Amino acid sequence: MATSAQLERKAERARGRLSDRIDDLRYHVSPTTVVSDLLGSVNPRAWGDDVLPILAKQARNNPIASMLIAAGVGWLIFSEVRGPVAKSLGLKSFGLMTTRQTAKGGRKKKR
């Protein structure tokens, strides 16, 4: 039968091994490591030769998904530039500025 001291040493060794494995998992599953593993084989200068034809093929095979993605990206870009462009064009009266932007730049007209 094992003594309590032997069991404690055995448990401590098991904790140490478990801690090492967890540290290894944290390293291998970190976002930086995953991205570098995914993009490590892709040369940024070769994107035009490797990645763009694949993207074009996927867009042809899935036109609805491609249009939805393009619409989402366009919407994101529009929402980011809408404030400065609307303010410079004086489009506040058309309701194209957000409440936060009108609070910074002036009062909202009450109707």
C-alpha atoms as a PDB file:
ATOM      1  CA  MET A   1       0.000   0.000   0.000  1.00  0.00           C
ATOM      2  CA  ALA A   2       1.275   3.503  -0.902  1.00  0.00           C
ATOM      3  CA  THR A   3       1.892   6.027   1.805  1.00  0.00           C
ATOM      4  CA  SER A   4       0.356   9.451   1.744  1.00  0.00           C
ATOM      5  CA  ALA A   5       3.738  11.021   0.945  1.00  0.00           C
ATOM      6  CA  GLN A   6       4.114   8.757  -2.098  1.00  0.00           C
ATOM      7  CA  LEU A   7       0.590   9.598  -3.235  1.00  0.00           C
ATOM      8  CA  GLU A   8       1.286  13.322  -2.825  1.00  0.00           C
ATOM      9  CA  ARG A   9       4.480  13.056  -4.928  1.00  0.00           C
ATOM     10  CA  LYS A  10       2.602  11.100  -7.581  1.00  0.00           C
ATOM     11  CA  ALA A  11      -0.192  13.692  -7.618  1.00  0.00           C
ATOM     12  CA  GLU A  12       2.372  16.519  -7.821  1.00  0.00           C
ATOM     13  CA  ARG A  13       4.075  14.868 -10.837  1.00  0.00           C
ATOM     14  CA  ALA A  14       0.678  14.431 -12.501  1.00  0.00           C
ATOM     15  CA  ARG A  15      -0.141  18.113 -11.873  1.00  0.00           C
ATOM     16  CA  GLY A  16       3.190  19.117 -13.383  1.00  0.00           C
ATOM     17  CA  ARG A  17       2.571  17.023 -16.518  1.00  0.00           C
ATOM     18  CA  LEU A  18      -0.945  18.413 -16.819  1.00  0.00           C
ATOM     19  CA  SER A  19       0.319  21.972 -16.424  1.00  0.00           C
ATOM     20  CA  ASP A  20       2.928  21.400 -19.159  1.00  0.00           C
ATOM     21  CA  ARG A  21       0.285  20.002 -21.505  1.00  0.00           C
ATOM     22  CA  ILE A  22      -2.018  22.954 -20.852  1.00  0.00           C
ATOM     23  CA  ASP A  23       0.828  25.379 -21.579  1.00  0.00           C
ATOM     24  CA  ASP A  24       1.525  23.541 -24.845  1.00  0.00           C
ATOM     25  CA  LEU A  25      -2.144  23.735 -25.806  1.00  0.00           C
ATOM     26  CA  ARG A  26      -2.272  27.455 -25.012  1.00  0.00           C
ATOM     27  CA  TYR A  27       0.699  28.040 -27.281  1.00  0.00           C
ATOM     28  CA  HIS A  28      -0.597  25.919 -30.162  1.00  0.00           C
ATOM     29  CA  VAL A  29      -4.149  27.280 -30.016  1.00  0.00           C
ATOM     30  CA  SER A  30      -3.270  30.969 -29.672  1.00  0.00           C
ATOM     31  CA  PRO A  31      -4.712  33.158 -32.452  1.00  0.00           C
ATOM     32  CA  THR A  32      -1.231  34.190 -33.577  1.00  0.00           C
ATOM     33  CA  THR A  33      -0.091  30.600 -33.975  1.00  0.00           C
ATOM     34  CA  VAL A  34      -3.258  29.503 -35.767  1.00  0.00           C
ATOM     35  CA  VAL A  35      -3.076  32.398 -38.250  1.00  0.00           C
ATOM     36  CA  SER A  36       0.624  31.839 -38.888  1.00  0.00           C
ATOM     37  CA  ASP A  37      -0.040  28.133 -39.460  1.00  0.00           C
ATOM     38  CA  LEU A  38      -2.861  28.900 -41.893  1.00  0.00           C
ATOM     39  CA  LEU A  39      -1.057  31.638 -43.785  1.00  0.00           C
ATOM     40  CA  GLY A  40       2.484  30.371 -43.308  1.00  0.00           C
ATOM     41  CA  SER A  41       2.566  28.569 -46.621  1.00  0.00           C
ATOM     42  CA  VAL A  42       1.053  31.495 -48.525  1.00  0.00           C
ATOM     43  CA  ASN A  43       3.517  34.048 -49.795  1.00  0.00           C
ATOM     44  CA  PRO A  44       1.877  37.506 -49.706  1.00  0.00           C
ATOM     45  CA  ARG A  45       3.338  38.291 -53.125  1.00  0.00           C
ATOM     46  CA  ALA A  46       1.823  35.118 -54.551  1.00  0.00           C
ATOM     47  CA  TRP A  47      -1.725  35.902 -53.395  1.00  0.00           C
ATOM     48  CA  GLY A  48      -2.622  37.016 -56.887  1.00  0.00           C
ATOM     49  CA  ASP A  49      -1.461  33.662 -58.245  1.00  0.00           C
ATOM     50  CA  ASP A  50      -2.794  31.428 -55.469  1.00  0.00           C
ATOM     51  CA  VAL A  51      -5.644  32.966 -53.522  1.00  0.00           C
ATOM     52  CA  LEU A  52      -7.444  35.234 -55.977  1.00  0.00           C
ATOM     53  CA  PRO A  53      -8.290  32.485 -58.518  1.00  0.00           C
ATOM     54  CA  ILE A  54      -9.686  30.359 -55.686  1.00  0.00           C
ATOM     55  CA  LEU A  55     -11.791  33.284 -54.442  1.00  0.00           C
ATOM     56  CA  ALA A  56     -13.043  33.972 -57.959  1.00  0.00           C
ATOM     57  CA  LYS A  57     -13.991  30.310 -58.410  1.00  0.00           C
ATOM     58  CA  GLN A  58     -15.828  30.294 -55.073  1.00  0.00           C
ATOM     59  CA  ALA A  59     -17.669  33.488 -56.034  1.00  0.00           C
ATOM     60  CA  ARG A  60     -18.785  31.926 -59.334  1.00  0.00           C
ATOM     61  CA  ASN A  61     -19.908  28.739 -57.585  1.00  0.00           C
ATOM     62  CA  ASN A  62     -21.763  30.611 -54.797  1.00  0.00           C
ATOM     63  CA  PRO A  63     -23.089  33.885 -56.262  1.00  0.00           C
ATOM     64  CA  ILE A  64     -25.707  34.531 -53.566  1.00  0.00           C
ATOM     65  CA  ALA A  65     -23.239  34.048 -50.737  1.00  0.00           C
ATOM     66  CA  SER A  66     -20.724  36.268 -52.539  1.00  0.00           C
ATOM     67  CA  MET A  67     -23.309  39.027 -52.990  1.00  0.00           C
ATOM     68  CA  LEU A  68     -24.313  38.831 -49.334  1.00  0.00           C
ATOM     69  CA  ILE A  69     -20.689  39.065 -48.221  1.00  0.00           C
ATOM     70  CA  ALA A  70     -20.079  42.000 -50.580  1.00  0.00           C
ATOM     71  CA  ALA A  71     -23.218  43.726 -49.289  1.00  0.00           C
ATOM     72  CA  GLY A  72     -22.064  43.234 -45.696  1.00  0.00           C
ATOM     73  CA  VAL A  73     -18.605  44.622 -46.417  1.00  0.00           C
ATOM     74  CA  GLY A  74     -20.133  47.535 -48.318  1.00  0.00           C
ATOM     75  CA  TRP A  75     -22.508  48.253 -45.463  1.00  0.00           C
ATOM     76  CA  LEU A  76     -19.614  48.209 -42.994  1.00  0.00           C
ATOM     77  CA  ILE A  77     -17.591  50.609 -45.132  1.00  0.00           C
ATOM     78  CA  PHE A  78     -20.604  52.867 -45.674  1.00  0.00           C
ATOM     79  CA  SER A  79     -21.349  53.008 -41.943  1.00  0.00           C
ATOM     80  CA  GLU A  80     -17.750  53.954 -41.207  1.00  0.00           C
ATOM     81  CA  VAL A  81     -17.533  56.781 -43.735  1.00  0.00           C
ATOM     82  CA  ARG A  82     -21.152  57.911 -43.540  1.00  0.00           C
ATOM     83  CA  GLY A  83     -20.566  60.322 -40.661  1.00  0.00           C
ATOM     84  CA  PRO A  84     -17.645  62.352 -42.056  1.00  0.00           C
ATOM     85  CA  VAL A  85     -19.056  62.387 -45.587  1.00  0.00           C
ATOM     86  CA  ALA A  86     -22.571  63.345 -44.449  1.00  0.00           C
ATOM     87  CA  LYS A  87     -21.195  66.107 -42.252  1.00  0.00           C
ATOM     88  CA  SER A  88     -19.009  67.512 -45.031  1.00  0.00           C
ATOM     89  CA  LEU A  89     -21.922  67.407 -47.494  1.00  0.00           C
ATOM     90  CA  GLY A  90     -24.410  68.895 -45.043  1.00  0.00           C
ATOM     91  CA  LEU A  91     -26.690  65.854 -45.163  1.00  0.00           C
ATOM     92  CA  LYS A  92     -27.710  66.080 -41.526  1.00  0.00           C
ATOM     93  CA  SER A  93     -31.205  67.178 -42.495  1.00  0.00           C
ATOM     94  CA  PHE A  94     -31.717  63.955 -44.473  1.00  0.00           C
ATOM     95  CA  GLY A  95     -31.153  61.847 -41.366  1.00  0.00           C
ATOM     96  CA  LEU A  96     -27.937  60.286 -42.618  1.00  0.00           C
ATOM     97  CA  MET A  97     -25.990  61.094 -39.483  1.00  0.00           C
ATOM     98  CA  THR A  98     -26.218  59.049 -36.320  1.00  0.00           C
ATOM     99  CA  THR A  99     -27.487  60.484 -33.056  1.00  0.00           C
ATOM    100  CA  ARG A 100     -23.971  60.449 -31.625  1.00  0.00           C
ATOM    101  CA  GLN A 101     -22.643  62.446 -34.569  1.00  0.00           C
ATOM    102  CA  THR A 102     -25.433  65.014 -34.397  1.00  0.00           C
ATOM    103  CA  ALA A 103     -24.802  65.409 -30.654  1.00  0.00           C
ATOM    104  CA  LYS A 104     -21.194  66.303 -31.429  1.00  0.00           C
ATOM    105  CA  GLY A 105     -21.887  68.621 -34.315  1.00  0.00           C
ATOM    106  CA  GLY A 106     -25.130  70.326 -33.495  1.00  0.00           C
ATOM    107  CA  ARG A 107     -28.749  69.932 -32.497  1.00  0.00           C
ATOM    108  CA  LYS A 108     -31.260  67.663 -34.086  1.00  0.00           C
ATOM    109  CA  LYS A 109     -34.250  69.470 -35.498  1.00  0.00           C
ATOM    110  CA  LYS A 110     -37.543  68.668 -33.806  1.00  0.00           C
ATOM    111  CA  ARG A 111     -40.610  68.262 -35.971  1.00  0.00           C
END
